[in-house]
Amino acid sequence: MNKDTHILLVEDTPADVRLAKEALNATGIAYTLDVVSDGVQAMDYLRDSKDTKNHTRPDVILLDLNLP
């Protein structure tokens, strides 16, 4: 059974989200991508993934280090 790689992208610039999606598509890997736009949303997402079955914890977190 092949499992999708679950990726959380923390990015506030739509053009950079689009670029990340294009780069991921070019790899040919199977992935699921969730996008949040700031650190607060990222922490909420991670807390929710721990406490509920709405979504699983990501395998990879791509983080924009220059968020406001």
C-alpha atoms as a PDB file:
ATOM      1  CA  MET A   1       0.000   0.000   0.000  1.00  0.00           C
ATOM      2  CA  ASN A   2       1.398   3.380  -1.022  1.00  0.00           C
ATOM      3  CA  LYS A   3       0.705   6.173   1.429  1.00  0.00           C
ATOM      4  CA  ASP A   4       0.551   9.805   0.370  1.00  0.00           C
ATOM      5  CA  THR A   5       3.138  12.018   2.011  1.00  0.00           C
ATOM      6  CA  HIS A   6       1.225  14.481   4.169  1.00  0.00           C
ATOM      7  CA  ILE A   7       2.715  17.982   3.905  1.00  0.00           C
ATOM      8  CA  LEU A   8       1.803  21.086   5.890  1.00  0.00           C
ATOM      9  CA  LEU A   9       2.832  24.321   4.159  1.00  0.00           C
ATOM     10  CA  VAL A  10       2.957  27.439   6.337  1.00  0.00           C
ATOM     11  CA  GLU A  11       3.059  30.288   3.838  1.00  0.00           C
ATOM     12  CA  ASP A  12       1.349  33.676   3.593  1.00  0.00           C
ATOM     13  CA  THR A  13       2.199  34.568  -0.025  1.00  0.00           C
ATOM     14  CA  PRO A  14      -0.144  33.065  -2.640  1.00  0.00           C
ATOM     15  CA  ALA A  15       2.560  33.105  -5.325  1.00  0.00           C
ATOM     16  CA  ASP A  16       4.873  31.074  -3.076  1.00  0.00           C
ATOM     17  CA  VAL A  17       2.086  28.577  -2.351  1.00  0.00           C
ATOM     18  CA  ARG A  18       1.581  28.178  -6.089  1.00  0.00           C
ATOM     19  CA  LEU A  19       5.346  27.737  -6.617  1.00  0.00           C
ATOM     20  CA  ALA A  20       5.524  25.092  -3.887  1.00  0.00           C
ATOM     21  CA  LYS A  21       2.621  23.183  -5.465  1.00  0.00           C
ATOM     22  CA  GLU A  22       4.300  23.287  -8.878  1.00  0.00           C
ATOM     23  CA  ALA A  23       7.579  22.024  -7.399  1.00  0.00           C
ATOM     24  CA  LEU A  24       5.809  19.214  -5.540  1.00  0.00           C
ATOM     25  CA  ASN A  25       3.889  18.191  -8.660  1.00  0.00           C
ATOM     26  CA  ALA A  26       7.160  18.026 -10.600  1.00  0.00           C
ATOM     27  CA  THR A  27       8.547  15.443  -8.156  1.00  0.00           C
ATOM     28  CA  GLY A  28       5.924  12.875  -9.095  1.00  0.00           C
ATOM     29  CA  ILE A  29       5.408  11.807  -5.477  1.00  0.00           C
ATOM     30  CA  ALA A  30       1.945  11.186  -4.098  1.00  0.00           C
ATOM     31  CA  TYR A  31       1.185  13.855  -1.532  1.00  0.00           C
ATOM     32  CA  THR A  32      -1.556  15.579   0.391  1.00  0.00           C
ATOM     33  CA  LEU A  33      -0.977  19.284   0.957  1.00  0.00           C
ATOM     34  CA  ASP A  34      -2.591  21.436   3.623  1.00  0.00           C
ATOM     35  CA  VAL A  35      -1.820  25.162   3.635  1.00  0.00           C
ATOM     36  CA  VAL A  36      -2.080  27.619   6.519  1.00  0.00           C
ATOM     37  CA  SER A  37      -0.995  31.243   6.384  1.00  0.00           C
ATOM     38  CA  ASP A  38       0.625  31.940   9.751  1.00  0.00           C
ATOM     39  CA  GLY A  39       2.214  30.412  12.819  1.00  0.00           C
ATOM     40  CA  VAL A  40      -0.937  30.613  14.942  1.00  0.00           C
ATOM     41  CA  GLN A  41      -2.898  28.640  12.340  1.00  0.00           C
ATOM     42  CA  ALA A  42      -0.041  26.135  12.114  1.00  0.00           C
ATOM     43  CA  MET A  43      -0.049  25.555  15.870  1.00  0.00           C
ATOM     44  CA  ASP A  44      -3.847  25.209  15.870  1.00  0.00           C
ATOM     45  CA  TYR A  45      -3.600  22.725  13.006  1.00  0.00           C
ATOM     46  CA  LEU A  46      -0.996  20.658  14.852  1.00  0.00           C
ATOM     47  CA  ARG A  47      -3.004  20.717  18.096  1.00  0.00           C
ATOM     48  CA  ASP A  48      -6.154  19.657  16.235  1.00  0.00           C
ATOM     49  CA  SER A  49      -4.322  16.800  14.532  1.00  0.00           C
ATOM     50  CA  LYS A  50      -3.271  15.550  17.948  1.00  0.00           C
ATOM     51  CA  ASP A  51      -6.700  15.873  19.569  1.00  0.00           C
ATOM     52  CA  THR A  52      -9.064  14.843  16.763  1.00  0.00           C
ATOM     53  CA  LYS A  53      -9.282  12.561  13.775  1.00  0.00           C
ATOM     54  CA  ASN A  54     -10.109  15.442  11.367  1.00  0.00           C
ATOM     55  CA  HIS A  55      -6.631  15.179   9.925  1.00  0.00           C
ATOM     56  CA  THR A  56      -3.376  13.428  10.689  1.00  0.00           C
ATOM     57  CA  ARG A  57      -0.093  14.944  11.687  1.00  0.00           C
ATOM     58  CA  PRO A  58       2.013  15.934   8.712  1.00  0.00           C
ATOM     59  CA  ASP A  59       5.071  13.957   7.639  1.00  0.00           C
ATOM     60  CA  VAL A  60       6.747  17.203   6.533  1.00  0.00           C
ATOM     61  CA  ILE A  61       6.279  20.848   7.497  1.00  0.00           C
ATOM     62  CA  LEU A  62       7.455  23.497   5.040  1.00  0.00           C
ATOM     63  CA  LEU A  63       7.707  26.759   6.950  1.00  0.00           C
ATOM     64  CA  ASP A  64       8.168  30.296   5.669  1.00  0.00           C
ATOM     65  CA  LEU A  65      10.721  31.672   8.111  1.00  0.00           C
ATOM     66  CA  ASN A  66       9.870  35.289   7.232  1.00  0.00           C
ATOM     67  CA  LEU A  67       6.256  35.300   8.409  1.00  0.00           C
ATOM     68  CA  PRO A  68       5.163  38.545  10.093  1.00  0.00           C
END
